[in-house]
Amino acid sequence: MRTGFGRHISSLMEQVQGARGAALLDLDGIPIESQLAGTDIVSLAAECTPFLRDAQRAAQELGLGETQAIHLLGEEANLLFRFLRSEWLLALVAENQGNWGKARHRLEREARRLEPQL
């Protein structure tokens, strides 16, 4: 699937060391755009969306405000989610050896570029 959002997804994949996949999805886990390099980010993100919606709801109920991002640390890889307008997700999965500060920065930068287009 190719949309105008593909350049943002490609940029994430190119700029994050060890990137295995990146995707733009709605909060139901339906992919808008994705790119894979070893990990099915779409299936992985879709499995996580119920948890992500619960985290959003919990943050609101606890008075934390809008959920901006969630970072899942795994033994083999890390998964970053950045919420866009509370109903869209930018997701990135990459190997643990990468620079996660840089990965978060790149994800945030692409999120800011994407948000006006949604």
PDB file of N, CA and C in Angstrom:
ATOM      1  N   MET A   1       0.853  -1.171   0.000  1.00  0.00           N
ATOM      2  CA  MET A   1       0.000   0.000   0.000  1.00  0.00           C
ATOM      3  C   MET A   1       0.896   1.229   0.000  1.00  0.00           C
ATOM      4  N   ARG A   2       0.616   2.176  -0.869  1.00  0.00           N
ATOM      5  CA  ARG A   2       1.415   3.377  -0.974  1.00  0.00           C
ATOM      6  C   ARG A   2       0.499   4.593  -0.912  1.00  0.00           C
ATOM      7  N   THR A   3       0.828   5.520  -0.031  1.00  0.00           N
ATOM      8  CA  THR A   3       0.099   6.771   0.085  1.00  0.00           C
ATOM      9  C   THR A   3       1.124   7.893   0.127  1.00  0.00           C
ATOM     10  N   GLY A   4       0.669   9.107   0.273  1.00  0.00           N
ATOM     11  CA  GLY A   4       1.579  10.239   0.419  1.00  0.00           C
ATOM     12  C   GLY A   4       2.378  10.197   1.706  1.00  0.00           C
ATOM     13  N   PHE A   5       2.023   9.306   2.608  1.00  0.00           N
ATOM     14  CA  PHE A   5       2.725   9.197   3.884  1.00  0.00           C
ATOM     15  C   PHE A   5       3.983   8.331   3.789  1.00  0.00           C
ATOM     16  N   GLY A   6       4.172   7.674   2.656  1.00  0.00           N
ATOM     17  CA  GLY A   6       5.277   6.742   2.499  1.00  0.00           C
ATOM     18  C   GLY A   6       6.648   7.342   2.710  1.00  0.00           C
ATOM     19  N   ARG A   7       6.829   8.609   2.342  1.00  0.00           N
ATOM     20  CA  ARG A   7       8.147   9.228   2.514  1.00  0.00           C
ATOM     21  C   ARG A   7       8.513   9.372   3.986  1.00  0.00           C
ATOM     22  N   HIS A   8       7.522   9.562   4.852  1.00  0.00           N
ATOM     23  CA  HIS A   8       7.787   9.664   6.288  1.00  0.00           C
ATOM     24  C   HIS A   8       8.209   8.312   6.856  1.00  0.00           C
ATOM     25  N   ILE A   9       7.538   7.271   6.408  1.00  0.00           N
ATOM     26  CA  ILE A   9       7.863   5.920   6.862  1.00  0.00           C
ATOM     27  C   ILE A   9       9.254   5.533   6.362  1.00  0.00           C
ATOM     28  N   SER A  10       9.542   5.809   5.099  1.00  0.00           N
ATOM     29  CA  SER A  10      10.857   5.514   4.536  1.00  0.00           C
ATOM     30  C   SER A  10      11.954   6.278   5.265  1.00  0.00           C
ATOM     31  N   SER A  11      11.687   7.515   5.611  1.00  0.00           N
ATOM     32  CA  SER A  11      12.662   8.325   6.335  1.00  0.00           C
ATOM     33  C   SER A  11      13.009   7.690   7.680  1.00  0.00           C
ATOM     34  N   LEU A  12      12.002   7.220   8.393  1.00  0.00           N
ATOM     35  CA  LEU A  12      12.262   6.540   9.669  1.00  0.00           C
ATOM     36  C   LEU A  12      13.133   5.310   9.467  1.00  0.00           C
ATOM     37  N   MET A  13      12.799   4.518   8.481  1.00  0.00           N
ATOM     38  CA  MET A  13      13.548   3.286   8.228  1.00  0.00           C
ATOM     39  C   MET A  13      14.997   3.583   7.862  1.00  0.00           C
ATOM     40  N   GLU A  14      15.229   4.632   7.124  1.00  0.00           N
ATOM     41  CA  GLU A  14      16.581   4.983   6.693  1.00  0.00           C
ATOM     42  C   GLU A  14      17.419   5.596   7.814  1.00  0.00           C
ATOM     43  N   GLN A  15      16.788   6.344   8.693  1.00  0.00           N
ATOM     44  CA  GLN A  15      17.531   7.123   9.678  1.00  0.00           C
ATOM     45  C   GLN A  15      17.700   6.449  11.037  1.00  0.00           C
ATOM     46  N   VAL A  16      17.027   5.330  11.256  1.00  0.00           N
ATOM     47  CA  VAL A  16      17.133   4.648  12.547  1.00  0.00           C
ATOM     48  C   VAL A  16      17.925   3.356  12.353  1.00  0.00           C
ATOM     49  N   GLN A  17      19.051   3.286  13.016  1.00  0.00           N
ATOM     50  CA  GLN A  17      19.906   2.100  12.934  1.00  0.00           C
ATOM     51  C   GLN A  17      19.160   0.865  13.443  1.00  0.00           C
ATOM     52  N   GLY A  18      19.188  -0.198  12.669  1.00  0.00           N
ATOM     53  CA  GLY A  18      18.556  -1.448  13.071  1.00  0.00           C
ATOM     54  C   GLY A  18      17.046  -1.474  12.939  1.00  0.00           C
ATOM     55  N   ALA A  19      16.483  -0.525  12.192  1.00  0.00           N
ATOM     56  CA  ALA A  19      15.021  -0.488  12.014  1.00  0.00           C
ATOM     57  C   ALA A  19      14.543  -1.763  11.329  1.00  0.00           C
ATOM     58  N   ARG A  20      13.509  -2.363  11.887  1.00  0.00           N
ATOM     59  CA  ARG A  20      12.911  -3.575  11.320  1.00  0.00           C
ATOM     60  C   ARG A  20      11.568  -3.303  10.668  1.00  0.00           C
ATOM     61  N   GLY A  21      10.951  -2.192  11.027  1.00  0.00           N
ATOM     62  CA  GLY A  21       9.657  -1.859  10.460  1.00  0.00           C
ATOM     63  C   GLY A  21       9.145  -0.534  11.003  1.00  0.00           C
ATOM     64  N   ALA A  22       8.325   0.129  10.197  1.00  0.00           N
ATOM     65  CA  ALA A  22       7.684   1.378  10.604  1.00  0.00           C
ATOM     66  C   ALA A  22       6.317   1.419   9.947  1.00  0.00           C
ATOM     67  N   ALA A  23       5.378   2.060  10.627  1.00  0.00           N
ATOM     68  CA  ALA A  23       4.014   2.101  10.091  1.00  0.00           C
ATOM     69  C   ALA A  23       3.243   3.290  10.637  1.00  0.00           C
ATOM     70  N   LEU A  24       2.305   3.740   9.831  1.00  0.00           N
ATOM     71  CA  LEU A  24       1.285   4.690  10.251  1.00  0.00           C
ATOM     72  C   LEU A  24      -0.011   3.901  10.279  1.00  0.00           C
ATOM     73  N   LEU A  25      -0.687   3.904  11.444  1.00  0.00           N
ATOM     74  CA  LEU A  25      -1.914   3.130  11.616  1.00  0.00           C
ATOM     75  C   LEU A  25      -2.961   3.983  12.310  1.00  0.00           C
ATOM     76  N   ASP A  26      -4.221   3.577  12.159  1.00  0.00           N
ATOM     77  CA  ASP A  26      -5.227   4.215  12.996  1.00  0.00           C
ATOM     78  C   ASP A  26      -5.255   3.471  14.330  1.00  0.00           C
ATOM     79  N   LEU A  27      -5.992   3.976  15.281  1.00  0.00           N
ATOM     80  CA  LEU A  27      -5.971   3.395  16.623  1.00  0.00           C
ATOM     81  C   LEU A  27      -6.677   2.045  16.712  1.00  0.00           C
ATOM     82  N   ASP A  28      -7.286   1.607  15.626  1.00  0.00           N
ATOM     83  CA  ASP A  28      -7.848   0.259  15.567  1.00  0.00           C
ATOM     84  C   ASP A  28      -6.843  -0.732  14.996  1.00  0.00           C
ATOM     85  N   GLY A  29      -5.653  -0.233  14.638  1.00  0.00           N
ATOM     86  CA  GLY A  29      -4.615  -1.098  14.099  1.00  0.00           C
ATOM     87  C   GLY A  29      -4.658  -1.268  12.592  1.00  0.00           C
ATOM     88  N   ILE A  30      -5.486  -0.485  11.920  1.00  0.00           N
ATOM     89  CA  ILE A  30      -5.597  -0.578  10.462  1.00  0.00           C
ATOM     90  C   ILE A  30      -4.471   0.247   9.840  1.00  0.00           C
ATOM     91  N   PRO A  31      -3.632  -0.394   9.018  1.00  0.00           N
ATOM     92  CA  PRO A  31      -2.480   0.315   8.452  1.00  0.00           C
ATOM     93  C   PRO A  31      -2.870   1.302   7.353  1.00  0.00           C
ATOM     94  N   ILE A  32      -2.227   2.449   7.393  1.00  0.00           N
ATOM     95  CA  ILE A  32      -2.364   3.452   6.345  1.00  0.00           C
ATOM     96  C   ILE A  32      -1.154   3.338   5.418  1.00  0.00           C
ATOM     97  N   GLU A  33       0.020   3.137   6.021  1.00  0.00           N
ATOM     98  CA  GLU A  33       1.273   2.990   5.290  1.00  0.00           C
ATOM     99  C   GLU A  33       2.231   2.198   6.159  1.00  0.00           C
ATOM    100  N   SER A  34       3.046   1.361   5.541  1.00  0.00           N
ATOM    101  CA  SER A  34       4.024   0.591   6.314  1.00  0.00           C
ATOM    102  C   SER A  34       5.202   0.206   5.440  1.00  0.00           C
ATOM    103  N   GLN A  35       6.289  -0.088   6.111  1.00  0.00           N
ATOM    104  CA  GLN A  35       7.478  -0.598   5.452  1.00  0.00           C
ATOM    105  C   GLN A  35       8.100  -1.628   6.375  1.00  0.00           C
ATOM    106  N   LEU A  36       8.423  -2.792   5.844  1.00  0.00           N
ATOM    107  CA  LEU A  36       8.953  -3.890   6.639  1.00  0.00           C
ATOM    108  C   LEU A  36      10.385  -4.186   6.248  1.00  0.00           C
ATOM    109  N   ALA A  37      11.166  -4.583   7.242  1.00  0.00           N
ATOM    110  CA  ALA A  37      12.540  -5.028   7.001  1.00  0.00           C
ATOM    111  C   ALA A  37      12.855  -6.110   8.035  1.00  0.00           C
ATOM    112  N   GLY A  38      12.035  -7.138   8.083  1.00  0.00           N
ATOM    113  CA  GLY A  38      12.302  -8.239   8.993  1.00  0.00           C
ATOM    114  C   GLY A  38      11.249  -8.465  10.056  1.00  0.00           C
ATOM    115  N   THR A  39      10.451  -7.473  10.380  1.00  0.00           N
ATOM    116  CA  THR A  39       9.407  -7.628  11.391  1.00  0.00           C
ATOM    117  C   THR A  39       8.097  -7.117  10.817  1.00  0.00           C
ATOM    118  N   ASP A  40       7.034  -7.878  10.987  1.00  0.00           N
ATOM    119  CA  ASP A  40       5.722  -7.458  10.520  1.00  0.00           C
ATOM    120  C   ASP A  40       5.159  -6.438  11.502  1.00  0.00           C
ATOM    121  N   ILE A  41       5.550  -5.200  11.309  1.00  0.00           N
ATOM    122  CA  ILE A  41       5.144  -4.112  12.203  1.00  0.00           C
ATOM    123  C   ILE A  41       3.633  -3.942  12.232  1.00  0.00           C
ATOM    124  N   VAL A  42       2.963  -4.210  11.135  1.00  0.00           N
ATOM    125  CA  VAL A  42       1.509  -4.028  11.076  1.00  0.00           C
ATOM    126  C   VAL A  42       0.822  -5.003  12.018  1.00  0.00           C
ATOM    127  N   SER A  43       1.189  -6.278  11.951  1.00  0.00           N
ATOM    128  CA  SER A  43       0.588  -7.265  12.853  1.00  0.00           C
ATOM    129  C   SER A  43       0.953  -6.989  14.302  1.00  0.00           C
ATOM    130  N   LEU A  44       2.199  -6.637  14.533  1.00  0.00           N
ATOM    131  CA  LEU A  44       2.658  -6.337  15.883  1.00  0.00           C
ATOM    132  C   LEU A  44       1.899  -5.151  16.466  1.00  0.00           C
ATOM    133  N   ALA A  45       1.788  -4.091  15.696  1.00  0.00           N
ATOM    134  CA  ALA A  45       1.075  -2.902  16.168  1.00  0.00           C
ATOM    135  C   ALA A  45      -0.405  -3.179  16.373  1.00  0.00           C
ATOM    136  N   ALA A  46      -1.002  -3.942  15.468  1.00  0.00           N
ATOM    137  CA  ALA A  46      -2.426  -4.273  15.611  1.00  0.00           C
ATOM    138  C   ALA A  46      -2.686  -5.045  16.893  1.00  0.00           C
ATOM    139  N   GLU A  47      -1.769  -5.932  17.259  1.00  0.00           N
ATOM    140  CA  GLU A  47      -1.904  -6.684  18.512  1.00  0.00           C
ATOM    141  C   GLU A  47      -1.806  -5.767  19.730  1.00  0.00           C
ATOM    142  N   CYS A  48      -1.081  -4.663  19.592  1.00  0.00           N
ATOM    143  CA  CYS A  48      -0.869  -3.743  20.715  1.00  0.00           C
ATOM    144  C   CYS A  48      -1.951  -2.686  20.865  1.00  0.00           C
ATOM    145  N   THR A  49      -2.774  -2.462  19.844  1.00  0.00           N
ATOM    146  CA  THR A  49      -3.717  -1.350  19.907  1.00  0.00           C
ATOM    147  C   THR A  49      -4.708  -1.418  21.073  1.00  0.00           C
ATOM    148  N   PRO A  50      -5.215  -2.588  21.489  1.00  0.00           N
ATOM    149  CA  PRO A  50      -6.082  -2.570  22.670  1.00  0.00           C
ATOM    150  C   PRO A  50      -5.346  -2.049  23.915  1.00  0.00           C
ATOM    151  N   PHE A  51      -4.114  -2.471  24.086  1.00  0.00           N
ATOM    152  CA  PHE A  51      -3.292  -1.990  25.203  1.00  0.00           C
ATOM    153  C   PHE A  51      -3.064  -0.480  25.092  1.00  0.00           C
ATOM    154  N   LEU A  52      -2.813  -0.001  23.892  1.00  0.00           N
ATOM    155  CA  LEU A  52      -2.556   1.425  23.692  1.00  0.00           C
ATOM    156  C   LEU A  52      -3.787   2.272  23.993  1.00  0.00           C
ATOM    157  N   ARG A  53      -4.955   1.795  23.575  1.00  0.00           N
ATOM    158  CA  ARG A  53      -6.200   2.515  23.896  1.00  0.00           C
ATOM    159  C   ARG A  53      -6.432   2.532  25.403  1.00  0.00           C
ATOM    160  N   ASP A  54      -6.146   1.407  26.069  1.00  0.00           N
ATOM    161  CA  ASP A  54      -6.280   1.360  27.530  1.00  0.00           C
ATOM    162  C   ASP A  54      -5.313   2.332  28.202  1.00  0.00           C
ATOM    163  N   ALA A  55      -4.096   2.420  27.692  1.00  0.00           N
ATOM    164  CA  ALA A  55      -3.107   3.351  28.254  1.00  0.00           C
ATOM    165  C   ALA A  55      -3.570   4.793  28.073  1.00  0.00           C
ATOM    166  N   GLN A  56      -4.144   5.099  26.918  1.00  0.00           N
ATOM    167  CA  GLN A  56      -4.691   6.438  26.684  1.00  0.00           C
ATOM    168  C   GLN A  56      -5.783   6.772  27.693  1.00  0.00           C
ATOM    169  N   ARG A  57      -6.693   5.827  27.866  1.00  0.00           N
ATOM    170  CA  ARG A  57      -7.811   6.020  28.788  1.00  0.00           C
ATOM    171  C   ARG A  57      -7.311   6.189  30.230  1.00  0.00           C
ATOM    172  N   ALA A  58      -6.364   5.361  30.618  1.00  0.00           N
ATOM    173  CA  ALA A  58      -5.816   5.435  31.978  1.00  0.00           C
ATOM    174  C   ALA A  58      -5.125   6.777  32.220  1.00  0.00           C
ATOM    175  N   ALA A  59      -4.375   7.239  31.246  1.00  0.00           N
ATOM    176  CA  ALA A  59      -3.691   8.524  31.390  1.00  0.00           C
ATOM    177  C   ALA A  59      -4.701   9.651  31.582  1.00  0.00           C
ATOM    178  N   GLN A  60      -5.791   9.616  30.837  1.00  0.00           N
ATOM    179  CA  GLN A  60      -6.829  10.628  30.987  1.00  0.00           C
ATOM    180  C   GLN A  60      -7.462  10.569  32.372  1.00  0.00           C
ATOM    181  N   GLU A  61      -7.808   9.352  32.810  1.00  0.00           N
ATOM    182  CA  GLU A  61      -8.450   9.185  34.110  1.00  0.00           C
ATOM    183  C   GLU A  61      -7.539   9.585  35.268  1.00  0.00           C
ATOM    184  N   LEU A  62      -6.246   9.439  35.095  1.00  0.00           N
ATOM    185  CA  LEU A  62      -5.285   9.802  36.134  1.00  0.00           C
ATOM    186  C   LEU A  62      -4.868  11.264  36.071  1.00  0.00           C
ATOM    187  N   GLY A  63      -5.430  11.990  35.119  1.00  0.00           N
ATOM    188  CA  GLY A  63      -5.133  13.408  34.999  1.00  0.00           C
ATOM    189  C   GLY A  63      -3.764  13.700  34.390  1.00  0.00           C
ATOM    190  N   LEU A  64      -3.235  12.762  33.617  1.00  0.00           N
ATOM    191  CA  LEU A  64      -1.919  12.958  32.998  1.00  0.00           C
ATOM    192  C   LEU A  64      -2.001  13.698  31.668  1.00  0.00           C
ATOM    193  N   GLY A  65      -3.210  13.877  31.158  1.00  0.00           N
ATOM    194  CA  GLY A  65      -3.385  14.530  29.866  1.00  0.00           C
ATOM    195  C   GLY A  65      -3.307  13.525  28.733  1.00  0.00           C
ATOM    196  N   GLU A  66      -3.153  14.046  27.533  1.00  0.00           N
ATOM    197  CA  GLU A  66      -3.079  13.208  26.342  1.00  0.00           C
ATOM    198  C   GLU A  66      -1.818  12.348  26.359  1.00  0.00           C
ATOM    199  N   THR A  67      -1.956  11.080  26.006  1.00  0.00           N
ATOM    200  CA  THR A  67      -0.809  10.200  25.868  1.00  0.00           C
ATOM    201  C   THR A  67      -0.064  10.603  24.602  1.00  0.00           C
ATOM    202  N   GLN A  68       1.230  10.802  24.721  1.00  0.00           N
ATOM    203  CA  GLN A  68       2.018  11.221  23.566  1.00  0.00           C
ATOM    204  C   GLN A  68       2.790  10.064  22.948  1.00  0.00           C
ATOM    205  N   ALA A  69       3.365   9.203  23.785  1.00  0.00           N
ATOM    206  CA  ALA A  69       4.190   8.121  23.248  1.00  0.00           C
ATOM    207  C   ALA A  69       4.259   6.975  24.246  1.00  0.00           C
ATOM    208  N   ILE A  70       4.511   5.790  23.711  1.00  0.00           N
ATOM    209  CA  ILE A  70       4.717   4.597  24.530  1.00  0.00           C
ATOM    210  C   ILE A  70       5.900   3.845  23.940  1.00  0.00           C
ATOM    211  N   HIS A  71       6.783   3.400  24.806  1.00  0.00           N
ATOM    212  CA  HIS A  71       7.988   2.679  24.394  1.00  0.00           C
ATOM    213  C   HIS A  71       7.955   1.307  25.070  1.00  0.00           C
ATOM    214  N   LEU A  72       7.898   0.248  24.266  1.00  0.00           N
ATOM    215  CA  LEU A  72       7.913  -1.119  24.786  1.00  0.00           C
ATOM    216  C   LEU A  72       9.308  -1.702  24.585  1.00  0.00           C
ATOM    217  N   LEU A  73       9.912  -2.146  25.675  1.00  0.00           N
ATOM    218  CA  LEU A  73      11.244  -2.726  25.614  1.00  0.00           C
ATOM    219  C   LEU A  73      11.134  -4.234  25.570  1.00  0.00           C
ATOM    220  N   GLY A  74      11.677  -4.828  24.543  1.00  0.00           N
ATOM    221  CA  GLY A  74      11.672  -6.280  24.416  1.00  0.00           C
ATOM    222  C   GLY A  74      13.089  -6.819  24.485  1.00  0.00           C
ATOM    223  N   GLU A  75      13.195  -8.099  24.674  1.00  0.00           N
ATOM    224  CA  GLU A  75      14.507  -8.731  24.742  1.00  0.00           C
ATOM    225  C   GLU A  75      15.253  -8.616  23.413  1.00  0.00           C
ATOM    226  N   GLU A  76      14.538  -8.758  22.315  1.00  0.00           N
ATOM    227  CA  GLU A  76      15.155  -8.744  20.987  1.00  0.00           C
ATOM    228  C   GLU A  76      15.052  -7.393  20.281  1.00  0.00           C
ATOM    229  N   ALA A  77      14.026  -6.625  20.589  1.00  0.00           N
ATOM    230  CA  ALA A  77      13.802  -5.360  19.888  1.00  0.00           C
ATOM    231  C   ALA A  77      12.966  -4.431  20.760  1.00  0.00           C
ATOM    232  N   ASN A  78      12.920  -3.193  20.364  1.00  0.00           N
ATOM    233  CA  ASN A  78      12.102  -2.182  21.026  1.00  0.00           C
ATOM    234  C   ASN A  78      11.031  -1.711  20.060  1.00  0.00           C
ATOM    235  N   LEU A  79       9.909  -1.334  20.609  1.00  0.00           N
ATOM    236  CA  LEU A  79       8.785  -0.860  19.824  1.00  0.00           C
ATOM    237  C   LEU A  79       8.369   0.498  20.366  1.00  0.00           C
ATOM    238  N   LEU A  80       8.394   1.497  19.501  1.00  0.00           N
ATOM    239  CA  LEU A  80       7.999   2.851  19.867  1.00  0.00           C
ATOM    240  C   LEU A  80       6.688   3.196  19.183  1.00  0.00           C
ATOM    241  N   PHE A  81       5.780   3.774  19.947  1.00  0.00           N
ATOM    242  CA  PHE A  81       4.522   4.281  19.402  1.00  0.00           C
ATOM    243  C   PHE A  81       4.443   5.763  19.703  1.00  0.00           C
ATOM    244  N   ARG A  82       4.088   6.550  18.720  1.00  0.00           N
ATOM    245  CA  ARG A  82       3.855   7.980  18.903  1.00  0.00           C
ATOM    246  C   ARG A  82       2.428   8.257  18.462  1.00  0.00           C
ATOM    247  N   PHE A  83       1.621   8.784  19.381  1.00  0.00           N
ATOM    248  CA  PHE A  83       0.235   9.115  19.064  1.00  0.00           C
ATOM    249  C   PHE A  83       0.188  10.411  18.258  1.00  0.00           C
ATOM    250  N   LEU A  84      -0.693  10.436  17.271  1.00  0.00           N
ATOM    251  CA  LEU A  84      -0.921  11.617  16.448  1.00  0.00           C
ATOM    252  C   LEU A  84      -2.397  11.958  16.547  1.00  0.00           C
ATOM    253  N   ARG A  85      -2.698  13.098  17.110  1.00  0.00           N
ATOM    254  CA  ARG A  85      -4.091  13.551  17.239  1.00  0.00           C
ATOM    255  C   ARG A  85      -4.999  12.542  17.944  1.00  0.00           C
ATOM    256  N   SER A  86      -4.464  11.763  18.842  1.00  0.00           N
ATOM    257  CA  SER A  86      -5.199  10.817  19.681  1.00  0.00           C
ATOM    258  C   SER A  86      -5.861   9.666  18.938  1.00  0.00           C
ATOM    259  N   GLU A  87      -5.791   9.643  17.619  1.00  0.00           N
ATOM    260  CA  GLU A  87      -6.479   8.569  16.893  1.00  0.00           C
ATOM    261  C   GLU A  87      -5.601   7.890  15.845  1.00  0.00           C
ATOM    262  N   TRP A  88      -4.373   8.329  15.716  1.00  0.00           N
ATOM    263  CA  TRP A  88      -3.423   7.751  14.776  1.00  0.00           C
ATOM    264  C   TRP A  88      -2.156   7.362  15.530  1.00  0.00           C
ATOM    265  N   LEU A  89      -1.431   6.395  14.980  1.00  0.00           N
ATOM    266  CA  LEU A  89      -0.180   5.937  15.594  1.00  0.00           C
ATOM    267  C   LEU A  89       0.920   5.907  14.550  1.00  0.00           C
ATOM    268  N   LEU A  90       2.071   6.377  14.938  1.00  0.00           N
ATOM    269  CA  LEU A  90       3.276   6.172  14.163  1.00  0.00           C
ATOM    270  C   LEU A  90       4.080   5.158  14.968  1.00  0.00           C
ATOM    271  N   ALA A  91       4.387   4.028  14.367  1.00  0.00           N
ATOM    272  CA  ALA A  91       5.050   2.935  15.080  1.00  0.00           C
ATOM    273  C   ALA A  91       6.397   2.630  14.437  1.00  0.00           C
ATOM    274  N   LEU A  92       7.352   2.261  15.285  1.00  0.00           N
ATOM    275  CA  LEU A  92       8.691   1.905  14.830  1.00  0.00           C
ATOM    276  C   LEU A  92       9.199   0.751  15.678  1.00  0.00           C
ATOM    277  N   VAL A  93       9.723  -0.283  15.029  1.00  0.00           N
ATOM    278  CA  VAL A  93      10.362  -1.388  15.737  1.00  0.00           C
ATOM    279  C   VAL A  93      11.792  -1.480  15.226  1.00  0.00           C
ATOM    280  N   ALA A  94      12.733  -1.635  16.166  1.00  0.00           N
ATOM    281  CA  ALA A  94      14.149  -1.717  15.798  1.00  0.00           C
ATOM    282  C   ALA A  94      14.893  -2.575  16.805  1.00  0.00           C
ATOM    283  N   GLU A  95      16.040  -3.054  16.374  1.00  0.00           N
ATOM    284  CA  GLU A  95      16.877  -3.894  17.221  1.00  0.00           C
ATOM    285  C   GLU A  95      17.369  -3.115  18.436  1.00  0.00           C
ATOM    286  N   ASN A  96      17.663  -3.825  19.489  1.00  0.00           N
ATOM    287  CA  ASN A  96      18.091  -3.203  20.738  1.00  0.00           C
ATOM    288  C   ASN A  96      19.427  -2.469  20.664  1.00  0.00           C
ATOM    289  N   GLN A  97      20.296  -2.814  19.722  1.00  0.00           N
ATOM    290  CA  GLN A  97      21.619  -2.224  19.658  1.00  0.00           C
ATOM    291  C   GLN A  97      21.616  -0.763  19.211  1.00  0.00           C
ATOM    292  N   GLY A  98      20.510  -0.287  18.694  1.00  0.00           N
ATOM    293  CA  GLY A  98      20.457   1.066  18.147  1.00  0.00           C
ATOM    294  C   GLY A  98      20.500   2.144  19.215  1.00  0.00           C
ATOM    295  N   ASN A  99      20.611   3.383  18.756  1.00  0.00           N
ATOM    296  CA  ASN A  99      20.610   4.558  19.612  1.00  0.00           C
ATOM    297  C   ASN A  99      19.159   4.979  19.824  1.00  0.00           C
ATOM    298  N   TRP A 100      18.592   4.684  20.996  1.00  0.00           N
ATOM    299  CA  TRP A 100      17.164   4.922  21.219  1.00  0.00           C
ATOM    300  C   TRP A 100      16.809   6.375  21.441  1.00  0.00           C
ATOM    301  N   GLY A 101      17.760   7.178  21.884  1.00  0.00           N
ATOM    302  CA  GLY A 101      17.513   8.612  21.952  1.00  0.00           C
ATOM    303  C   GLY A 101      17.301   9.171  20.555  1.00  0.00           C
ATOM    304  N   LYS A 102      18.154   8.750  19.631  1.00  0.00           N
ATOM    305  CA  LYS A 102      18.033   9.187  18.237  1.00  0.00           C
ATOM    306  C   LYS A 102      16.747   8.644  17.616  1.00  0.00           C
ATOM    307  N   ALA A 103      16.417   7.399  17.911  1.00  0.00           N
ATOM    308  CA  ALA A 103      15.184   6.816  17.365  1.00  0.00           C
ATOM    309  C   ALA A 103      13.963   7.602  17.833  1.00  0.00           C
ATOM    310  N   ARG A 104      13.908   7.932  19.123  1.00  0.00           N
ATOM    311  CA  ARG A 104      12.781   8.725  19.641  1.00  0.00           C
ATOM    312  C   ARG A 104      12.731  10.105  18.976  1.00  0.00           C
ATOM    313  N   HIS A 105      13.905  10.695  18.802  1.00  0.00           N
ATOM    314  CA  HIS A 105      13.973  12.005  18.157  1.00  0.00           C
ATOM    315  C   HIS A 105      13.458  11.929  16.720  1.00  0.00           C
ATOM    316  N   ARG A 106      13.875  10.926  15.967  1.00  0.00           N
ATOM    317  CA  ARG A 106      13.434  10.764  14.571  1.00  0.00           C
ATOM    318  C   ARG A 106      11.930  10.505  14.510  1.00  0.00           C
ATOM    319  N   LEU A 107      11.431   9.692  15.428  1.00  0.00           N
ATOM    320  CA  LEU A 107       9.998   9.406  15.462  1.00  0.00           C
ATOM    321  C   LEU A 107       9.216  10.685  15.744  1.00  0.00           C
ATOM    322  N   GLU A 108       9.680  11.466  16.702  1.00  0.00           N
ATOM    323  CA  GLU A 108       9.017  12.720  17.047  1.00  0.00           C
ATOM    324  C   GLU A 108       9.041  13.692  15.867  1.00  0.00           C
ATOM    325  N   ARG A 109      10.163  13.777  15.186  1.00  0.00           N
ATOM    326  CA  ARG A 109      10.286  14.681  14.042  1.00  0.00           C
ATOM    327  C   ARG A 109       9.307  14.293  12.923  1.00  0.00           C
ATOM    328  N   GLU A 110       9.237  13.002  12.613  1.00  0.00           N
ATOM    329  CA  GLU A 110       8.310  12.566  11.561  1.00  0.00           C
ATOM    330  C   GLU A 110       6.864  12.750  12.008  1.00  0.00           C
ATOM    331  N   ALA A 111       6.597  12.562  13.294  1.00  0.00           N
ATOM    332  CA  ALA A 111       5.234  12.776  13.810  1.00  0.00           C
ATOM    333  C   ALA A 111       4.809  14.227  13.613  1.00  0.00           C
ATOM    334  N   ARG A 112       5.712  15.160  13.917  1.00  0.00           N
ATOM    335  CA  ARG A 112       5.386  16.583  13.728  1.00  0.00           C
ATOM    336  C   ARG A 112       5.144  16.910  12.253  1.00  0.00           C
ATOM    337  N   ARG A 113       5.861  16.242  11.367  1.00  0.00           N
ATOM    338  CA  ARG A 113       5.676  16.471   9.933  1.00  0.00           C
ATOM    339  C   ARG A 113       4.380  15.852   9.418  1.00  0.00           C
ATOM    340  N   LEU A 114       4.002  14.731   9.996  1.00  0.00           N
ATOM    341  CA  LEU A 114       2.797  14.009   9.558  1.00  0.00           C
ATOM    342  C   LEU A 114       1.505  14.653  10.071  1.00  0.00           C
ATOM    343  N   GLU A 115       1.530  15.104  11.297  1.00  0.00           N
ATOM    344  CA  GLU A 115       0.298  15.550  11.964  1.00  0.00           C
ATOM    345  C   GLU A 115      -0.545  16.535  11.160  1.00  0.00           C
ATOM    346  N   PRO A 116       0.018  17.542  10.537  1.00  0.00           N
ATOM    347  CA  PRO A 116      -0.818  18.484   9.768  1.00  0.00           C
ATOM    348  C   PRO A 116      -1.519  17.830   8.570  1.00  0.00           C
ATOM    349  N   GLN A 117      -1.010  16.684   8.118  1.00  0.00           N
ATOM    350  CA  GLN A 117      -1.571  16.019   6.954  1.00  0.00           C
ATOM    351  C   GLN A 117      -2.730  15.080   7.303  1.00  0.00           C
ATOM    352  N   LEU A 118      -2.934  14.825   8.587  1.00  0.00           N
ATOM    353  CA  LEU A 118      -3.978  13.880   9.002  1.00  0.00           C
ATOM    354  C   LEU A 118      -5.301  14.579   9.234  1.00  0.00           C
TER     355      LEU A 118
END
